[in-house]
C-alpha atoms as a PDB file:
ATOM      1  CA  MET A   1      16.717 -23.979   1.463  1.00  0.00           C
ATOM      2  CA  ALA A   2      19.968 -22.551   1.080  1.00  0.00           C
ATOM      3  CA  ILE A   3      21.546 -21.346  -2.320  1.00  0.00           C
ATOM      4  CA  THR A   4      25.394 -21.467  -2.529  1.00  0.00           C
ATOM      5  CA  GLY A   5      28.177 -22.367  -4.819  1.00  0.00           C
ATOM      6  CA  ILE A   6      26.913 -20.539  -7.782  1.00  0.00           C
ATOM      7  CA  THR A   7      29.605 -18.390  -9.187  1.00  0.00           C
ATOM      8  CA  PHE A   8      29.585 -15.651 -11.389  1.00  0.00           C
ATOM      9  CA  GLY A   9      33.225 -14.430 -12.806  1.00  0.00           C
ATOM     10  CA  GLY A  10      34.749 -16.202  -9.745  1.00  0.00           C
ATOM     11  CA  ILE A  11      32.638 -14.331  -7.165  1.00  0.00           C
ATOM     12  CA  THR A  12      30.303 -16.377  -5.071  1.00  0.00           C
ATOM     13  CA  PRO A  13      27.116 -14.551  -4.150  1.00  0.00           C
ATOM     14  CA  PRO A  14      25.793 -14.457  -0.441  1.00  0.00           C
ATOM     15  CA  SER A  15      23.736 -17.180   0.509  1.00  0.00           C
ATOM     16  CA  GLN A  16      20.042 -16.503   0.926  1.00  0.00           C
ATOM     17  CA  THR A  17      17.696 -18.344   3.112  1.00  0.00           C
ATOM     18  CA  VAL A  18      13.917 -18.892   2.504  1.00  0.00           C
ATOM     19  CA  GLN A  19      11.663 -19.736   5.057  1.00  0.00           C
ATOM     20  CA  ASN A  20       7.715 -20.394   4.846  1.00  0.00           C
ATOM     21  CA  LYS A  21       6.009 -19.426   7.957  1.00  0.00           C
ATOM     22  CA  ASN A  22       2.200 -19.717   8.610  1.00  0.00           C
ATOM     23  CA  THR A  23       1.185 -16.955  10.709  1.00  0.00           C
ATOM     24  CA  GLY A  24      -2.383 -18.361  11.134  1.00  0.00           C
ATOM     25  CA  GLN A  25      -4.468 -15.282   9.597  1.00  0.00           C
ATOM     26  CA  THR A  26      -7.331 -14.545  11.513  1.00  0.00           C
ATOM     27  CA  LYS A  27     -10.285 -12.211  10.595  1.00  0.00           C
ATOM     28  CA  GLU A  28      -9.141 -10.224  13.877  1.00  0.00           C
ATOM     29  CA  THR A  29      -5.468  -9.614  12.806  1.00  0.00           C
ATOM     30  CA  GLY A  30      -5.925  -9.767   9.145  1.00  0.00           C
ATOM     31  CA  PHE A  31      -2.313 -10.307   8.612  1.00  0.00           C
ATOM     32  CA  GLY A  32      -0.603 -12.680   5.972  1.00  0.00           C
ATOM     33  CA  ASN A  33      -1.417 -16.251   5.709  1.00  0.00           C
ATOM     34  CA  GLY A  34       2.085 -17.597   4.247  1.00  0.00           C
ATOM     35  CA  VAL A  35       5.045 -15.218   5.071  1.00  0.00           C
ATOM     36  CA  MET A  36       8.181 -15.769   3.476  1.00  0.00           C
ATOM     37  CA  LYS A  37      11.050 -14.329   5.078  1.00  0.00           C
ATOM     38  CA  CYS A  38      14.313 -13.888   2.803  1.00  0.00           C
ATOM     39  CA  VAL A  39      17.531 -12.926   4.265  1.00  0.00           C
ATOM     40  CA  ARG A  40      19.982 -11.133   2.143  1.00  0.00           C
ATOM     41  CA  ALA A  41      23.637  -9.845   2.550  1.00  0.00           C
ATOM     42  CA  GLY A  42      23.752  -7.598   5.589  1.00  0.00           C
ATOM     43  CA  ASN A  43      21.282  -9.409   7.376  1.00  0.00           C
ATOM     44  CA  GLN A  44      18.288  -7.300   6.491  1.00  0.00           C
ATOM     45  CA  GLU A  45      15.077  -9.331   6.373  1.00  0.00           C
ATOM     46  CA  VAL A  46      12.262  -8.793   4.032  1.00  0.00           C
ATOM     47  CA  LEU A  47       8.728  -9.838   4.489  1.00  0.00           C
ATOM     48  CA  LEU A  48       6.793 -10.836   1.379  1.00  0.00           C
ATOM     49  CA  CYS A  49       3.350 -12.148   2.012  1.00  0.00           C
ATOM     50  CA  SER A  50       1.725 -14.644  -0.383  1.00  0.00           C
ATOM     51  CA  ASP A  51      -1.806 -13.471   0.498  1.00  0.00           C
ATOM     52  CA  ALA A  52      -1.036  -9.865  -0.088  1.00  0.00           C
ATOM     53  CA  LEU A  53      -2.826  -8.305  -3.226  1.00  0.00           C
ATOM     54  CA  MET A  54       0.792  -7.034  -4.290  1.00  0.00           C
ATOM     55  CA  SER A  55       4.292  -7.578  -2.443  1.00  0.00           C
ATOM     56  CA  TYR A  56       7.669  -6.122  -3.229  1.00  0.00           C
ATOM     57  CA  ALA A  57      10.790  -5.285  -1.531  1.00  0.00           C
ATOM     58  CA  SER A  58      13.905  -3.350  -2.099  1.00  0.00           C
ATOM     59  CA  PRO A  59      17.241  -5.142  -1.901  1.00  0.00           C
ATOM     60  CA  GLN A  60      19.181  -1.699  -1.653  1.00  0.00           C
ATOM     61  CA  THR A  61      17.178  -0.258   1.385  1.00  0.00           C
ATOM     62  CA  GLY A  62      15.657  -3.665   3.011  1.00  0.00           C
ATOM     63  CA  GLU A  63      12.054  -2.130   2.778  1.00  0.00           C
ATOM     64  CA  SER A  64       9.518  -4.331   2.053  1.00  0.00           C
ATOM     65  CA  VAL A  65       5.592  -3.719   1.292  1.00  0.00           C
ATOM     66  CA  ASN A  66       2.625  -5.919   1.171  1.00  0.00           C
ATOM     67  CA  ILE A  67      -0.842  -4.261   0.010  1.00  0.00           C
ATOM     68  CA  TYR A  68      -4.023  -5.695   1.406  1.00  0.00           C
ATOM     69  CA  ARG A  69      -7.669  -4.259   1.061  1.00  0.00           C
ATOM     70  CA  ALA A  70      -8.876  -2.885   4.356  1.00  0.00           C
ATOM     71  CA  GLU A  71     -11.774  -4.857   6.148  1.00  0.00           C
ATOM     72  CA  ASN A  72     -14.103  -1.856   5.114  1.00  0.00           C
ATOM     73  CA  TYR A  73     -12.822  -1.506   1.749  1.00  0.00           C
ATOM     74  CA  SER A  74     -15.438  -0.900  -1.094  1.00  0.00           C
ATOM     75  CA  LYS A  75     -15.512   1.291  -4.382  1.00  0.00           C
ATOM     76  CA  GLU A  76     -16.792   4.299  -2.702  1.00  0.00           C
ATOM     77  CA  ASN A  77     -14.212   3.726   0.258  1.00  0.00           C
ATOM     78  CA  PRO A  78     -11.105   2.244  -1.354  1.00  0.00           C
ATOM     79  CA  ILE A  79      -8.928   1.749   1.656  1.00  0.00           C
ATOM     80  CA  TYR A  80      -5.786  -0.179   1.642  1.00  0.00           C
ATOM     81  CA  VAL A  81      -3.616  -1.303   4.370  1.00  0.00           C
ATOM     82  CA  LEU A  82       0.199  -1.566   3.695  1.00  0.00           C
ATOM     83  CA  LYS A  83       2.130  -3.922   6.325  1.00  0.00           C
ATOM     84  CA  GLY A  84       5.916  -4.638   5.935  1.00  0.00           C
ATOM     85  CA  LEU A  85       9.375  -3.745   7.368  1.00  0.00           C
ATOM     86  CA  ASP A  86      10.830  -0.251   6.705  1.00  0.00           C
ATOM     87  CA  ALA A  87      14.716   0.458   5.951  1.00  0.00           C
ATOM     88  CA  SER A  88      15.519  -0.193   9.812  1.00  0.00           C
ATOM     89  CA  GLY A  89      13.852  -3.288   9.788  1.00  0.00           C
ATOM     90  CA  ASN A  90      11.052  -2.292  11.883  1.00  0.00           C
ATOM     91  CA  PRO A  91       7.292  -3.605  11.113  1.00  0.00           C
ATOM     92  CA  PHE A  92       5.134  -0.811  10.041  1.00  0.00           C
ATOM     93  CA  GLU A  93       1.426  -0.845   9.183  1.00  0.00           C
ATOM     94  CA  GLN A  94      -0.305   2.065   7.267  1.00  0.00           C
ATOM     95  CA  GLU A  95      -3.599   2.894   5.745  1.00  0.00           C
ATOM     96  CA  VAL A  96      -4.053   4.520   2.313  1.00  0.00           C
ATOM     97  CA  ASP A  97      -7.209   5.840   0.874  1.00  0.00           C
ATOM     98  CA  ALA A  98      -6.460   5.459  -2.841  1.00  0.00           C
ATOM     99  CA  GLY A  99      -9.365   8.006  -3.789  1.00  0.00           C
ATOM    100  CA  LYS A 100      -7.043  10.704  -2.016  1.00  0.00           C
ATOM    101  CA  ILE A 101      -3.683   9.940  -3.815  1.00  0.00           C
ATOM    102  CA  ASP A 102      -2.302  12.621  -6.047  1.00  0.00           C
ATOM    103  CA  PRO A 103       0.248  11.051  -8.585  1.00  0.00           C
ATOM    104  CA  ASN A 104       1.961  14.274  -8.925  1.00  0.00           C
ATOM    105  CA  ARG A 105       2.954  13.999  -5.228  1.00  0.00           C
ATOM    106  CA  CYS A 106       2.867  10.537  -3.877  1.00  0.00           C
ATOM    107  CA  SER A 107       5.110   7.790  -2.557  1.00  0.00           C
ATOM    108  CA  PHE A 108       5.979   4.670  -4.540  1.00  0.00           C
ATOM    109  CA  ASN A 109       3.774   2.623  -2.003  1.00  0.00           C
ATOM    110  CA  GLU A 110       1.002   5.086  -2.931  1.00  0.00           C
ATOM    111  CA  LEU A 111       1.681   4.698  -6.685  1.00  0.00           C
ATOM    112  CA  MET A 112       1.542   0.575  -6.307  1.00  0.00           C
ATOM    113  CA  VAL A 113      -2.057   1.301  -4.358  1.00  0.00           C
ATOM    114  CA  LEU A 114      -3.167   3.035  -7.435  1.00  0.00           C
ATOM    115  CA  ASN A 115      -1.856   0.249  -9.525  1.00  0.00           C
ATOM    116  CA  VAL A 116      -3.850  -2.315  -7.441  1.00  0.00           C
ATOM    117  CA  GLU A 117      -6.901  -0.094  -7.515  1.00  0.00           C
ATOM    118  CA  THR A 118      -6.680   0.267 -11.369  1.00  0.00           C
ATOM    119  CA  GLY A 119      -6.235  -3.399 -11.883  1.00  0.00           C
ATOM    120  CA  HIS A 120      -2.531  -2.642 -12.911  1.00  0.00           C
ATOM    121  CA  THR A 121      -0.804  -5.885 -11.172  1.00  0.00           C
ATOM    122  CA  SER A 122       0.974  -7.310 -14.141  1.00  0.00           C
ATOM    123  CA  PRO A 123       4.839  -7.530 -14.119  1.00  0.00           C
ATOM    124  CA  GLY A 124       4.566  -5.169 -16.806  1.00  0.00           C
ATOM    125  CA  ASP A 125       2.943  -2.412 -15.222  1.00  0.00           C
ATOM    126  CA  TYR A 126       4.975  -2.938 -12.104  1.00  0.00           C
ATOM    127  CA  LEU A 127       7.898  -2.376 -14.037  1.00  0.00           C
ATOM    128  CA  HIS A 128       6.732   0.903 -15.371  1.00  0.00           C
ATOM    129  CA  ALA A 129       6.535   2.039 -11.882  1.00  0.00           C
ATOM    130  CA  VAL A 130       9.922   0.774 -11.130  1.00  0.00           C
ATOM    131  CA  ALA A 131      11.438   2.446 -14.089  1.00  0.00           C
ATOM    132  CA  ALA A 132       9.796   5.850 -12.688  1.00  0.00           C
ATOM    133  CA  ARG A 133      11.284   5.205  -9.350  1.00  0.00           C
ATOM    134  CA  ASP A 134      14.540   4.520 -10.658  1.00  0.00           C
ATOM    135  CA  LYS A 135      14.640   7.593 -12.883  1.00  0.00           C
ATOM    136  CA  ALA A 136      13.557   9.607 -10.067  1.00  0.00           C
ATOM    137  CA  GLY A 137      16.356   8.365  -8.032  1.00  0.00           C
ATOM    138  CA  ALA A 138      14.124   7.794  -4.894  1.00  0.00           C
ATOM    139  CA  ARG A 139      16.001   6.404  -1.973  1.00  0.00           C
ATOM    140  CA  SER A 140      12.954   4.996  -0.055  1.00  0.00           C
ATOM    141  CA  TYR A 141       9.281   3.553  -0.968  1.00  0.00           C
ATOM    142  CA  PHE A 142       7.959   6.282   1.306  1.00  0.00           C
ATOM    143  CA  GLU A 143       9.677   9.282  -0.449  1.00  0.00           C
ATOM    144  CA  ARG A 144       7.126  11.301  -2.177  1.00  0.00           C
ATOM    145  CA  MET A 145       7.683  12.584  -5.836  1.00  0.00           C
ATOM    146  CA  ASP A 146       5.678  13.438  -8.869  1.00  0.00           C
ATOM    147  CA  TYR A 147       5.717   9.970 -10.433  1.00  0.00           C
ATOM    148  CA  LEU A 148       3.160  11.191 -13.110  1.00  0.00           C
ATOM    149  CA  SER A 149       5.633  13.408 -14.426  1.00  0.00           C
ATOM    150  CA  ILE A 150       8.487  10.948 -14.119  1.00  0.00           C
ATOM    151  CA  ALA A 151       6.524   8.159 -15.769  1.00  0.00           C
ATOM    152  CA  LYS A 152       5.777  10.386 -18.626  1.00  0.00           C
ATOM    153  CA  GLN A 153       9.607  10.990 -18.935  1.00  0.00           C
ATOM    154  CA  VAL A 154      10.154   7.345 -18.992  1.00  0.00           C
ATOM    155  CA  MET A 155       7.522   6.938 -21.749  1.00  0.00           C
ATOM    156  CA  GLU A 156       9.167   9.325 -23.617  1.00  0.00           C
ATOM    157  CA  ASP A 157      12.473   7.321 -23.314  1.00  0.00           C
ATOM    158  CA  MET A 158      10.665   4.283 -24.641  1.00  0.00           C
ATOM    159  CA  LYS A 159       9.765   6.309 -27.648  1.00  0.00           C
ATOM    160  CA  ILE A 160      13.316   7.675 -28.101  1.00  0.00           C
ATOM    161  CA  ILE A 161      14.796   3.971 -28.144  1.00  0.00           C
ATOM    162  CA  GLY A 162      11.875   2.609 -30.307  1.00  0.00           C
ATOM    163  CA  SER A 163      10.359   0.520 -27.703  1.00  0.00           C
ATOM    164  CA  TRP A 164       6.836   0.655 -29.103  1.00  0.00           C
ATOM    165  CA  ASP A 165       5.184  -2.074 -26.979  1.00  0.00           C
ATOM    166  CA  ASN A 166       6.496  -0.411 -23.798  1.00  0.00           C
ATOM    167  CA  TYR A 167       5.711   3.037 -24.982  1.00  0.00           C
ATOM    168  CA  LEU A 168       2.267   2.236 -25.606  1.00  0.00           C
ATOM    169  CA  SER A 169       1.607   0.030 -22.481  1.00  0.00           C
ATOM    170  CA  CYS A 170       3.170   2.692 -20.293  1.00  0.00           C
ATOM    171  CA  GLY A 171       0.732   5.336 -21.898  1.00  0.00           C
ATOM    172  CA  LYS A 172      -2.194   3.205 -21.051  1.00  0.00           C
ATOM    173  CA  TRP A 173      -1.120   2.609 -17.485  1.00  0.00           C
ATOM    174  CA  ILE A 174      -0.509   6.497 -17.119  1.00  0.00           C
ATOM    175  CA  ASP A 175      -3.873   7.210 -18.714  1.00  0.00           C
ATOM    176  CA  SER A 176      -5.546   4.539 -16.330  1.00  0.00           C
ATOM    177  CA  ILE A 177      -4.169   6.304 -13.278  1.00  0.00           C
ATOM    178  CA  LEU A 178      -5.154   9.798 -14.527  1.00  0.00           C
ATOM    179  CA  LYS A 179      -8.763   8.609 -15.322  1.00  0.00           C
ATOM    180  CA  TYR A 180      -9.009   7.052 -11.909  1.00  0.00           C
ATOM    181  CA  CYS A 181      -7.773  10.053  -9.963  1.00  0.00           C
ATOM    182  CA  SER A 182      -9.762  12.356 -12.079  1.00  0.00           C
ATOM    183  CA  LYS A 183     -12.902  10.360 -11.307  1.00  0.00           C
ATOM    184  CA  SER A 184     -11.830  10.391  -7.456  1.00  0.00           C
ATOM    185  CA  ALA A 185     -11.326  14.174  -7.321  1.00  0.00           C
ATOM    186  CA  SER A 186     -14.879  14.953  -8.736  1.00  0.00           C
END
C-alpha cells in the first residue's frame, strides 16, 4: 500500500510503503509472526513486529526495537529479548534482565523493558518515557542516561503547566518503576 498525494502547505511528503510479511514463527527461532516493514525517507527500514510485547521505532535514527519475553522468562528470572534494527540498519538481538536495570543509568530500551515488566504498556505510559527521552536529548535508544531524574523533571514540567492528569499519571508511572527496582535490589 502506498501513501502519496497528500500535501501540507504545498509540500508532498515522501511515500511510505508498508508490507506485511509472515516470518513463520517457530519455537526454535522465537522471532516475530507478522513483521511490518516500513520504508521511510532516506530508504531506512524499521521492523515493527505484531507479535512483540512492545514495538517502537525512531524516524530520526531509523532504529527499531521489538520486546519479547525470553523462553526462560519467569517473575524470578525476568529476562527479555530485544530484536530490531540499529541506526545503521543492521539487525540486532539483545537479552535484558529487568531485575538488574538501574533507571538512574539505563538506555531507553531498558526503560521500555521496565515498562513492560511493570505493566505500563499504555500509550500514555509510553509517552512519559518518550517525553523523558526527548528532554534528555538522547540520540539513540541505546544511549544510557539517568531517565529517572529526567522523568521527574518532565513530571515537574507537567505540574508547572497545570497538566494535572499527566502529572499524576507520570507520578504513578515513576512510583511503579521505583517500587519494582527496589524489590529487585533486595
